[in-house]
Amino acid sequence: MTALYSDTHPKMEALQIKLWRQATPTRKMNMLAQLNASVRLLALTGLRSRYPQISEAELRFKLAVLLLGDELAQKVYGEPSHAK
């Protein structure tokens, strides 16, 4: 088996994979939900640093564009007046 991570010791990686395989479906879904929440938080942090002057509505729209693409974000959320 090839290594997933170049910076992780092979024994630790094997243990991590073993624990993933032993996790219940509920635990796996919880891990996935936590990962998604972390990604959203990182994306929002990046957007806030790039656009410190925009409103929360505009920020949410920009996040939707990142997650959904321009067309779908506009269909779902509309476009805030200053989101461009």
C-alpha atoms as a PDB file:
ATOM      1  CA  MET A   1       0.000   0.000   0.000  1.00  0.00           C
ATOM      2  CA  THR A   2       1.295   3.454  -0.843  1.00  0.00           C
ATOM      3  CA  ALA A   3       1.534   6.196   1.746  1.00  0.00           C
ATOM      4  CA  LEU A   4      -1.336   8.680   1.926  1.00  0.00           C
ATOM      5  CA  TYR A   5       0.764  11.357   3.595  1.00  0.00           C
ATOM      6  CA  SER A   6       4.448  11.990   3.019  1.00  0.00           C
ATOM      7  CA  ASP A   7       4.828  13.613   6.452  1.00  0.00           C
ATOM      8  CA  THR A   8       3.265  10.780   8.495  1.00  0.00           C
ATOM      9  CA  HIS A   9       5.154   7.777   9.828  1.00  0.00           C
ATOM     10  CA  PRO A  10       3.909   4.618   8.079  1.00  0.00           C
ATOM     11  CA  LYS A  11       2.967   2.926  11.387  1.00  0.00           C
ATOM     12  CA  MET A  12       0.874   5.920  12.444  1.00  0.00           C
ATOM     13  CA  GLU A  13      -0.777   6.067   9.038  1.00  0.00           C
ATOM     14  CA  ALA A  14      -1.618   2.355   9.245  1.00  0.00           C
ATOM     15  CA  LEU A  15      -3.156   2.924  12.679  1.00  0.00           C
ATOM     16  CA  GLN A  16      -5.214   5.846  11.372  1.00  0.00           C
ATOM     17  CA  ILE A  17      -6.525   3.767   8.468  1.00  0.00           C
ATOM     18  CA  LYS A  18      -7.370   0.922  10.856  1.00  0.00           C
ATOM     19  CA  LEU A  19      -9.329   3.316  13.094  1.00  0.00           C
ATOM     20  CA  TRP A  20     -11.203   4.731  10.081  1.00  0.00           C
ATOM     21  CA  ARG A  21     -12.171   1.227   9.006  1.00  0.00           C
ATOM     22  CA  GLN A  22     -13.377   0.330  12.508  1.00  0.00           C
ATOM     23  CA  ALA A  23     -15.447   3.504  12.900  1.00  0.00           C
ATOM     24  CA  THR A  24     -19.207   3.142  12.819  1.00  0.00           C
ATOM     25  CA  PRO A  25     -21.126   4.797   9.973  1.00  0.00           C
ATOM     26  CA  THR A  26     -22.392   7.387  12.467  1.00  0.00           C
ATOM     27  CA  ARG A  27     -18.844   8.206  13.567  1.00  0.00           C
ATOM     28  CA  LYS A  28     -17.738   8.508   9.938  1.00  0.00           C
ATOM     29  CA  MET A  29     -20.611  10.897   9.192  1.00  0.00           C
ATOM     30  CA  ASN A  30     -19.701  12.959  12.276  1.00  0.00           C
ATOM     31  CA  MET A  31     -16.076  13.167  11.118  1.00  0.00           C
ATOM     32  CA  LEU A  32     -17.255  14.261   7.675  1.00  0.00           C
ATOM     33  CA  ALA A  33     -19.555  16.914   9.174  1.00  0.00           C
ATOM     34  CA  GLN A  34     -16.668  18.252  11.282  1.00  0.00           C
ATOM     35  CA  LEU A  35     -14.424  18.360   8.211  1.00  0.00           C
ATOM     36  CA  ASN A  36     -17.074  20.261   6.237  1.00  0.00           C
ATOM     37  CA  ALA A  37     -17.522  22.761   9.090  1.00  0.00           C
ATOM     38  CA  SER A  38     -13.750  23.298   9.219  1.00  0.00           C
ATOM     39  CA  VAL A  39     -13.563  23.904   5.468  1.00  0.00           C
ATOM     40  CA  ARG A  40     -16.423  26.438   5.644  1.00  0.00           C
ATOM     41  CA  LEU A  41     -14.713  28.236   8.532  1.00  0.00           C
ATOM     42  CA  LEU A  42     -11.409  28.391   6.642  1.00  0.00           C
ATOM     43  CA  ALA A  43     -13.167  29.660   3.516  1.00  0.00           C
ATOM     44  CA  LEU A  44     -15.039  32.339   5.488  1.00  0.00           C
ATOM     45  CA  THR A  45     -11.823  33.406   7.201  1.00  0.00           C
ATOM     46  CA  GLY A  46     -10.114  33.759   3.838  1.00  0.00           C
ATOM     47  CA  LEU A  47     -13.031  35.723   2.399  1.00  0.00           C
ATOM     48  CA  ARG A  48     -13.122  38.042   5.417  1.00  0.00           C
ATOM     49  CA  SER A  49      -9.410  38.779   5.046  1.00  0.00           C
ATOM     50  CA  ARG A  50      -9.779  39.449   1.310  1.00  0.00           C
ATOM     51  CA  TYR A  51     -12.957  41.517   1.628  1.00  0.00           C
ATOM     52  CA  PRO A  52     -12.955  43.149   5.093  1.00  0.00           C
ATOM     53  CA  GLN A  53     -15.446  45.816   4.042  1.00  0.00           C
ATOM     54  CA  ILE A  54     -18.315  43.604   2.813  1.00  0.00           C
ATOM     55  CA  SER A  55     -21.505  42.833   4.734  1.00  0.00           C
ATOM     56  CA  GLU A  56     -22.395  39.426   6.185  1.00  0.00           C
ATOM     57  CA  ALA A  57     -24.934  38.911   3.369  1.00  0.00           C
ATOM     58  CA  GLU A  58     -22.266  39.590   0.764  1.00  0.00           C
ATOM     59  CA  LEU A  59     -19.861  37.318   2.616  1.00  0.00           C
ATOM     60  CA  ARG A  60     -22.411  34.478   2.623  1.00  0.00           C
ATOM     61  CA  PHE A  61     -22.997  35.031  -1.086  1.00  0.00           C
ATOM     62  CA  LYS A  62     -19.269  34.846  -1.841  1.00  0.00           C
ATOM     63  CA  LEU A  63     -19.075  31.612   0.168  1.00  0.00           C
ATOM     64  CA  ALA A  64     -22.012  30.236  -1.830  1.00  0.00           C
ATOM     65  CA  VAL A  65     -20.184  31.106  -5.053  1.00  0.00           C
ATOM     66  CA  LEU A  66     -17.141  29.180  -3.827  1.00  0.00           C
ATOM     67  CA  LEU A  67     -19.229  26.169  -2.847  1.00  0.00           C
ATOM     68  CA  LEU A  68     -21.854  26.143  -5.597  1.00  0.00           C
ATOM     69  CA  GLY A  69     -20.472  28.175  -8.467  1.00  0.00           C
ATOM     70  CA  ASP A  70     -21.767  31.507  -9.784  1.00  0.00           C
ATOM     71  CA  GLU A  71     -24.889  30.320 -11.576  1.00  0.00           C
ATOM     72  CA  LEU A  72     -26.289  28.104  -8.834  1.00  0.00           C
ATOM     73  CA  ALA A  73     -25.402  30.575  -6.066  1.00  0.00           C
ATOM     74  CA  GLN A  74     -27.368  33.295  -7.882  1.00  0.00           C
ATOM     75  CA  LYS A  75     -30.341  30.959  -8.415  1.00  0.00           C
ATOM     76  CA  VAL A  76     -30.384  29.891  -4.773  1.00  0.00           C
ATOM     77  CA  TYR A  77     -29.482  33.119  -2.968  1.00  0.00           C
ATOM     78  CA  GLY A  78     -29.957  35.895  -5.480  1.00  0.00           C
ATOM     79  CA  GLU A  79     -27.175  38.426  -5.737  1.00  0.00           C
ATOM     80  CA  PRO A  80     -26.560  41.015  -3.006  1.00  0.00           C
ATOM     81  CA  SER A  81     -26.384  44.527  -4.426  1.00  0.00           C
ATOM     82  CA  HIS A  82     -22.659  44.902  -3.655  1.00  0.00           C
ATOM     83  CA  ALA A  83     -21.518  41.275  -4.100  1.00  0.00           C
ATOM     84  CA  LYS A  84     -19.667  41.904  -7.364  1.00  0.00           C
END
